N, C-alpha and C. Protein backbone atom coordinates (compact mmCIF):
# COMPACT_ATOMS: atom_id res chain seq x y z
N MET A 1 -34.10 -8.28 -1.56
CA MET A 1 -33.82 -7.87 -2.91
C MET A 1 -32.72 -8.77 -3.49
N GLN A 2 -32.98 -9.32 -4.63
CA GLN A 2 -32.01 -10.20 -5.28
C GLN A 2 -31.16 -9.39 -6.25
N VAL A 3 -29.86 -9.61 -6.19
CA VAL A 3 -28.93 -8.93 -7.09
C VAL A 3 -28.60 -9.87 -8.23
N GLU A 4 -28.75 -9.38 -9.46
CA GLU A 4 -28.43 -10.21 -10.61
C GLU A 4 -26.99 -9.97 -11.04
N SER A 5 -26.36 -11.03 -11.44
CA SER A 5 -24.98 -10.96 -11.89
C SER A 5 -24.94 -10.44 -13.33
N VAL A 6 -23.97 -9.61 -13.62
CA VAL A 6 -23.72 -9.19 -14.99
C VAL A 6 -22.97 -10.34 -15.65
N GLN A 7 -23.49 -10.83 -16.76
CA GLN A 7 -22.86 -11.96 -17.43
C GLN A 7 -21.67 -11.48 -18.25
N ILE A 8 -20.50 -11.96 -17.90
CA ILE A 8 -19.28 -11.59 -18.60
C ILE A 8 -18.66 -12.89 -19.12
N SER A 9 -18.43 -12.94 -20.42
CA SER A 9 -17.88 -14.16 -21.01
C SER A 9 -16.42 -14.34 -20.61
N GLY A 10 -15.95 -15.56 -20.73
CA GLY A 10 -14.56 -15.86 -20.43
C GLY A 10 -13.61 -15.04 -21.30
N ALA A 11 -13.98 -14.86 -22.57
CA ALA A 11 -13.14 -14.08 -23.48
C ALA A 11 -13.08 -12.62 -23.04
N GLU A 12 -14.23 -12.09 -22.59
CA GLU A 12 -14.25 -10.70 -22.11
C GLU A 12 -13.40 -10.54 -20.85
N MET A 13 -13.48 -11.51 -19.95
CA MET A 13 -12.67 -11.44 -18.73
C MET A 13 -11.18 -11.54 -19.07
N SER A 14 -10.83 -12.39 -20.01
CA SER A 14 -9.43 -12.50 -20.42
C SER A 14 -8.92 -11.18 -20.99
N ARG A 15 -9.75 -10.54 -21.83
CA ARG A 15 -9.36 -9.24 -22.38
C ARG A 15 -9.20 -8.22 -21.27
N HIS A 16 -10.10 -8.27 -20.28
CA HIS A 16 -10.02 -7.33 -19.15
C HIS A 16 -8.72 -7.53 -18.39
N TYR A 17 -8.43 -8.77 -17.99
CA TYR A 17 -7.24 -9.03 -17.18
C TYR A 17 -5.94 -8.83 -17.96
N ASP A 18 -5.99 -8.91 -19.28
CA ASP A 18 -4.81 -8.68 -20.10
C ASP A 18 -4.64 -7.21 -20.50
N SER A 19 -5.61 -6.37 -20.14
CA SER A 19 -5.58 -4.97 -20.58
C SER A 19 -4.56 -4.15 -19.80
N VAL A 20 -4.06 -3.11 -20.45
CA VAL A 20 -3.13 -2.19 -19.81
C VAL A 20 -3.81 -1.54 -18.61
N ARG A 21 -5.07 -1.17 -18.78
CA ARG A 21 -5.79 -0.50 -17.69
C ARG A 21 -5.87 -1.38 -16.45
N HIS A 22 -6.13 -2.68 -16.62
CA HIS A 22 -6.18 -3.58 -15.46
C HIS A 22 -4.80 -3.72 -14.83
N ARG A 23 -3.77 -3.86 -15.65
CA ARG A 23 -2.42 -3.98 -15.10
C ARG A 23 -2.03 -2.74 -14.31
N GLU A 24 -2.43 -1.56 -14.81
CA GLU A 24 -2.16 -0.32 -14.08
C GLU A 24 -2.91 -0.30 -12.75
N TRP A 25 -4.19 -0.72 -12.78
CA TRP A 25 -4.99 -0.78 -11.54
C TRP A 25 -4.33 -1.73 -10.54
N ALA A 26 -3.93 -2.90 -11.00
CA ALA A 26 -3.32 -3.89 -10.12
C ALA A 26 -2.03 -3.36 -9.51
N ALA A 27 -1.22 -2.68 -10.30
CA ALA A 27 0.04 -2.12 -9.79
C ALA A 27 -0.24 -1.07 -8.72
N LYS A 28 -1.25 -0.24 -8.94
CA LYS A 28 -1.61 0.78 -7.94
C LYS A 28 -2.10 0.15 -6.64
N VAL A 29 -2.89 -0.91 -6.75
CA VAL A 29 -3.39 -1.60 -5.55
C VAL A 29 -2.22 -2.21 -4.77
N LEU A 30 -1.32 -2.88 -5.47
CA LEU A 30 -0.18 -3.50 -4.80
C LEU A 30 0.71 -2.44 -4.12
N ARG A 31 0.93 -1.31 -4.80
CA ARG A 31 1.73 -0.23 -4.19
C ARG A 31 1.02 0.33 -2.97
N LYS A 32 -0.30 0.54 -3.08
CA LYS A 32 -1.09 1.08 -1.96
C LYS A 32 -0.92 0.21 -0.73
N ASP A 33 -0.93 -1.09 -0.93
CA ASP A 33 -0.84 -2.04 0.18
C ASP A 33 0.59 -2.49 0.47
N LYS A 34 1.56 -1.78 -0.12
CA LYS A 34 2.98 -2.04 0.12
C LYS A 34 3.39 -3.48 -0.18
N TYR A 35 2.71 -4.09 -1.16
CA TYR A 35 3.02 -5.45 -1.61
C TYR A 35 2.94 -6.47 -0.47
N LEU A 36 2.04 -6.22 0.49
CA LEU A 36 1.83 -7.15 1.60
C LEU A 36 0.39 -7.65 1.56
N CYS A 37 0.22 -8.94 1.81
CA CYS A 37 -1.11 -9.55 1.83
C CYS A 37 -1.92 -8.93 2.97
N GLN A 38 -3.03 -8.33 2.62
CA GLN A 38 -3.85 -7.65 3.61
C GLN A 38 -4.58 -8.62 4.54
N ARG A 39 -4.90 -9.81 4.06
CA ARG A 39 -5.56 -10.81 4.91
C ARG A 39 -4.57 -11.34 5.94
N CYS A 40 -3.35 -11.65 5.51
CA CYS A 40 -2.34 -12.15 6.44
C CYS A 40 -1.97 -11.09 7.48
N LEU A 41 -1.93 -9.83 7.05
CA LEU A 41 -1.61 -8.74 7.99
C LEU A 41 -2.60 -8.69 9.15
N ARG A 42 -3.85 -9.04 8.88
CA ARG A 42 -4.86 -9.05 9.95
C ARG A 42 -4.51 -10.02 11.06
N TYR A 43 -3.67 -11.00 10.74
CA TYR A 43 -3.24 -11.99 11.73
C TYR A 43 -1.80 -11.75 12.17
N GLY A 44 -1.29 -10.56 11.84
CA GLY A 44 0.06 -10.20 12.27
C GLY A 44 1.18 -10.79 11.45
N LYS A 45 0.85 -11.36 10.28
CA LYS A 45 1.88 -11.98 9.43
C LYS A 45 2.18 -11.06 8.25
N LYS A 46 3.45 -10.84 7.97
CA LYS A 46 3.85 -10.05 6.81
C LYS A 46 4.22 -11.02 5.69
N VAL A 47 3.29 -11.19 4.76
CA VAL A 47 3.47 -12.12 3.65
C VAL A 47 3.44 -11.31 2.35
N PRO A 48 4.42 -11.50 1.47
CA PRO A 48 4.42 -10.77 0.20
C PRO A 48 3.17 -11.10 -0.62
N ALA A 49 2.66 -10.07 -1.30
CA ALA A 49 1.47 -10.24 -2.15
C ALA A 49 1.84 -9.93 -3.59
N LYS A 50 1.29 -10.72 -4.50
CA LYS A 50 1.50 -10.49 -5.93
C LYS A 50 0.18 -10.34 -6.68
N ILE A 51 -0.93 -10.43 -5.96
CA ILE A 51 -2.24 -10.42 -6.60
C ILE A 51 -3.06 -9.25 -6.10
N ALA A 52 -3.64 -8.49 -7.04
CA ALA A 52 -4.58 -7.43 -6.70
C ALA A 52 -5.98 -8.02 -6.84
N HIS A 53 -6.71 -8.07 -5.74
CA HIS A 53 -8.03 -8.70 -5.68
C HIS A 53 -9.12 -7.63 -5.57
N HIS A 54 -10.21 -7.81 -6.32
CA HIS A 54 -11.36 -6.92 -6.20
C HIS A 54 -12.15 -7.29 -4.94
N ILE A 55 -12.34 -6.36 -4.03
CA ILE A 55 -13.10 -6.60 -2.80
C ILE A 55 -14.56 -6.82 -3.15
N LYS A 56 -15.13 -5.91 -3.93
CA LYS A 56 -16.49 -6.08 -4.45
C LYS A 56 -16.34 -6.73 -5.82
N PRO A 57 -16.92 -7.92 -6.02
CA PRO A 57 -16.72 -8.65 -7.27
C PRO A 57 -17.13 -7.86 -8.51
N VAL A 58 -16.32 -7.95 -9.54
CA VAL A 58 -16.57 -7.24 -10.79
C VAL A 58 -17.92 -7.62 -11.39
N GLU A 59 -18.30 -8.89 -11.27
CA GLU A 59 -19.56 -9.32 -11.90
C GLU A 59 -20.78 -8.69 -11.24
N TYR A 60 -20.67 -8.25 -10.00
CA TYR A 60 -21.78 -7.59 -9.31
C TYR A 60 -21.62 -6.08 -9.25
N PHE A 61 -20.40 -5.60 -9.29
CA PHE A 61 -20.11 -4.17 -9.14
C PHE A 61 -19.15 -3.70 -10.24
N PRO A 62 -19.56 -3.78 -11.51
CA PRO A 62 -18.66 -3.40 -12.59
C PRO A 62 -18.22 -1.93 -12.51
N GLU A 63 -19.00 -1.11 -11.84
CA GLU A 63 -18.64 0.31 -11.73
C GLU A 63 -17.40 0.54 -10.87
N PHE A 64 -16.99 -0.47 -10.08
CA PHE A 64 -15.80 -0.34 -9.23
C PHE A 64 -14.59 -1.09 -9.78
N VAL A 65 -14.66 -1.52 -11.02
CA VAL A 65 -13.61 -2.38 -11.58
C VAL A 65 -12.23 -1.73 -11.55
N TYR A 66 -12.15 -0.40 -11.74
CA TYR A 66 -10.84 0.27 -11.73
C TYR A 66 -10.68 1.20 -10.53
N ASP A 67 -11.49 1.02 -9.51
CA ASP A 67 -11.40 1.81 -8.29
C ASP A 67 -10.33 1.18 -7.39
N VAL A 68 -9.25 1.89 -7.15
CA VAL A 68 -8.16 1.37 -6.33
C VAL A 68 -8.65 1.05 -4.92
N GLY A 69 -9.64 1.79 -4.44
CA GLY A 69 -10.22 1.53 -3.12
C GLY A 69 -10.97 0.21 -3.06
N ASN A 70 -11.30 -0.35 -4.21
CA ASN A 70 -11.98 -1.64 -4.27
C ASN A 70 -10.98 -2.77 -4.51
N GLY A 71 -9.73 -2.51 -4.24
CA GLY A 71 -8.72 -3.54 -4.43
C GLY A 71 -7.92 -3.77 -3.17
N GLU A 72 -7.46 -5.00 -3.01
CA GLU A 72 -6.56 -5.32 -1.90
C GLU A 72 -5.52 -6.30 -2.40
N ALA A 73 -4.31 -6.15 -1.87
CA ALA A 73 -3.21 -7.04 -2.22
C ALA A 73 -3.37 -8.34 -1.44
N LEU A 74 -3.24 -9.47 -2.14
CA LEU A 74 -3.35 -10.78 -1.50
C LEU A 74 -2.21 -11.68 -1.95
N CYS A 75 -1.83 -12.60 -1.07
CA CYS A 75 -0.91 -13.66 -1.46
C CYS A 75 -1.73 -14.72 -2.22
N ALA A 76 -1.06 -15.62 -2.89
CA ALA A 76 -1.76 -16.65 -3.68
C ALA A 76 -2.65 -17.52 -2.80
N ALA A 77 -2.19 -17.87 -1.60
CA ALA A 77 -2.98 -18.74 -0.71
C ALA A 77 -4.29 -18.06 -0.31
N CYS A 78 -4.22 -16.78 0.05
CA CYS A 78 -5.44 -16.07 0.46
C CYS A 78 -6.36 -15.84 -0.74
N HIS A 79 -5.78 -15.57 -1.91
CA HIS A 79 -6.61 -15.38 -3.09
C HIS A 79 -7.32 -16.67 -3.47
N ASN A 80 -6.64 -17.80 -3.35
CA ASN A 80 -7.28 -19.09 -3.65
C ASN A 80 -8.41 -19.37 -2.67
N LYS A 81 -8.24 -19.01 -1.40
CA LYS A 81 -9.32 -19.18 -0.41
C LYS A 81 -10.50 -18.28 -0.74
N GLU A 82 -10.22 -17.12 -1.31
CA GLU A 82 -11.27 -16.16 -1.66
C GLU A 82 -12.13 -16.66 -2.82
N HIS A 83 -11.59 -17.56 -3.62
CA HIS A 83 -12.30 -18.06 -4.81
C HIS A 83 -12.44 -19.58 -4.79
N PRO A 84 -13.17 -20.13 -3.82
CA PRO A 84 -13.34 -21.59 -3.77
C PRO A 84 -14.10 -22.14 -4.97
N GLU A 85 -14.89 -21.27 -5.63
CA GLU A 85 -15.66 -21.71 -6.80
C GLU A 85 -14.74 -22.10 -7.95
N LYS A 86 -13.49 -21.68 -7.88
CA LYS A 86 -12.52 -22.04 -8.91
C LYS A 86 -11.73 -23.27 -8.49
N GLY A 87 -12.17 -23.92 -7.44
CA GLY A 87 -11.53 -25.15 -6.99
C GLY A 87 -10.17 -24.93 -6.37
N GLY A 88 -9.93 -23.69 -5.91
CA GLY A 88 -8.62 -23.40 -5.31
C GLY A 88 -7.49 -23.50 -6.31
N ALA A 89 -7.86 -23.36 -7.59
CA ALA A 89 -6.83 -23.45 -8.64
C ALA A 89 -5.76 -22.41 -8.40
N ARG A 90 -4.55 -22.79 -8.72
CA ARG A 90 -3.44 -21.86 -8.53
C ARG A 90 -3.60 -20.69 -9.49
N TRP A 91 -3.38 -19.51 -8.96
CA TRP A 91 -3.47 -18.30 -9.75
C TRP A 91 -2.13 -18.04 -10.40
N ASN A 92 -2.13 -17.74 -11.67
CA ASN A 92 -0.89 -17.43 -12.38
C ASN A 92 -0.76 -15.93 -12.52
N PRO A 93 0.27 -15.33 -11.91
CA PRO A 93 0.42 -13.88 -12.00
C PRO A 93 0.63 -13.43 -13.43
N PRO A 94 0.14 -12.22 -13.76
CA PRO A 94 0.33 -11.71 -15.12
C PRO A 94 1.81 -11.44 -15.40
N ARG A 95 2.13 -11.42 -16.66
CA ARG A 95 3.51 -11.18 -17.08
C ARG A 95 3.68 -9.70 -17.40
N TYR A 96 3.90 -8.85 -16.39
CA TYR A 96 4.09 -7.41 -16.62
C TYR A 96 5.53 -7.17 -16.95
């Protein structure tokens, strides 16, 4: 079975990531994970995390976009590895 991606424009994604609701979701995810990178913790390393990452991608699972259980705290290095399609571009944290 092939899963089709929901097409979300760049402008729509910008509005999403700039929204109060997304910032609240991200803050809850970071608090849940005690501001520690969950990927690094798997290797016994305690690395501060500033990024709330969707485990199930929003473009495939829009119904989980604000589900705290679908989020994990990541450091910038792990988040960049998670998104190689973006060329490992540095992620800029939101200005909360």
